[in-house]
Each structure stands twice: as structure tokens, then as C-alpha cells.
Protein backbone atom coordinates (compact mmCIF):
# COMPACT_ATOMS: atom_id res chain seq x y z
CA UNK A 1 20.37 10.72 -19.91
CA UNK A 2 16.57 11.62 -19.86
CA UNK A 3 15.72 12.76 -23.19
CA UNK A 4 17.51 10.06 -24.95
CA UNK A 5 20.29 12.01 -26.90
CA UNK A 6 23.19 9.89 -25.79
CA UNK A 7 21.51 6.93 -26.87
CA UNK A 8 20.44 9.03 -30.43
CA UNK A 9 24.19 10.29 -30.35
CA UNK A 10 25.81 7.03 -30.53
CA UNK A 11 24.12 5.19 -33.30
CA UNK A 12 25.60 8.54 -35.40
CA UNK A 13 28.98 8.55 -34.21
CA UNK A 14 31.46 5.39 -33.51
CA UNK A 15 31.38 6.21 -29.48
CA UNK A 16 29.26 4.40 -27.07
CA UNK A 17 26.33 5.77 -25.21
CA UNK A 18 28.48 5.09 -21.97
CA UNK A 19 31.05 7.10 -22.96
CA UNK A 20 29.07 10.04 -24.29
CA UNK A 21 27.26 9.92 -20.70
CA UNK A 22 30.49 10.13 -19.07
CA UNK A 23 32.18 13.48 -21.53
CA UNK A 24 28.05 15.03 -20.70
CA UNK A 25 29.00 14.68 -17.59
CA UNK A 26 32.42 15.76 -17.37
CA UNK A 27 31.77 18.78 -19.49
CA UNK A 28 28.56 19.50 -16.89
CA UNK A 29 31.17 19.33 -13.87
CA UNK A 30 34.01 21.00 -14.98
CA UNK A 31 33.20 23.62 -17.69
CA UNK A 32 29.47 23.93 -17.12
CA UNK A 33 28.90 23.50 -21.03
CA UNK A 34 27.19 19.67 -21.40
CA UNK A 35 23.87 20.97 -20.31
CA UNK A 36 23.60 23.86 -22.83
CA UNK A 37 24.84 20.95 -25.48
CA UNK A 38 22.76 18.66 -24.45
CA UNK A 39 19.38 21.05 -25.49
CA UNK A 40 21.02 21.80 -28.46
CA UNK A 41 21.28 18.04 -29.18
CA UNK A 42 17.66 17.61 -27.95
CA UNK A 43 16.16 19.89 -30.27
CA UNK A 44 18.05 18.71 -33.21
CA UNK A 45 17.29 14.86 -32.51
CA UNK A 46 13.42 16.69 -32.52
CA UNK A 47 13.22 18.32 -35.05
CA UNK A 48 15.13 15.21 -37.22
CA UNK A 49 12.19 13.15 -36.51
CA UNK A 50 14.58 10.31 -36.00
């Protein structure tokens, strides 16, 4: 969304960035889990230098 995690994750999986964004929004709304997962994935992205 902001940090490029969804686009990066879509290159690693067979999902589109749009579907991943929808998943993150649903996780935030229903479980409250999406923000933490997003930040962890951003950290993995930054540390992997891709």
C-alpha cells in the first residue's frame, strides 16, 4: 500500500497485488492482524535488499 509490500509480495507469490491489498484490509478490519503482518513483511523486504 504505502511501502511497496503488496507489489513485492505479488512478485513472490501467484497472487496479484490487488488481491493482497484486499487481504490486508480484511485482516485489519476483522482481526486487527494486518498492520503487524504488513510491518513484518516490510522489514523482510528491506533486509532482503530486493
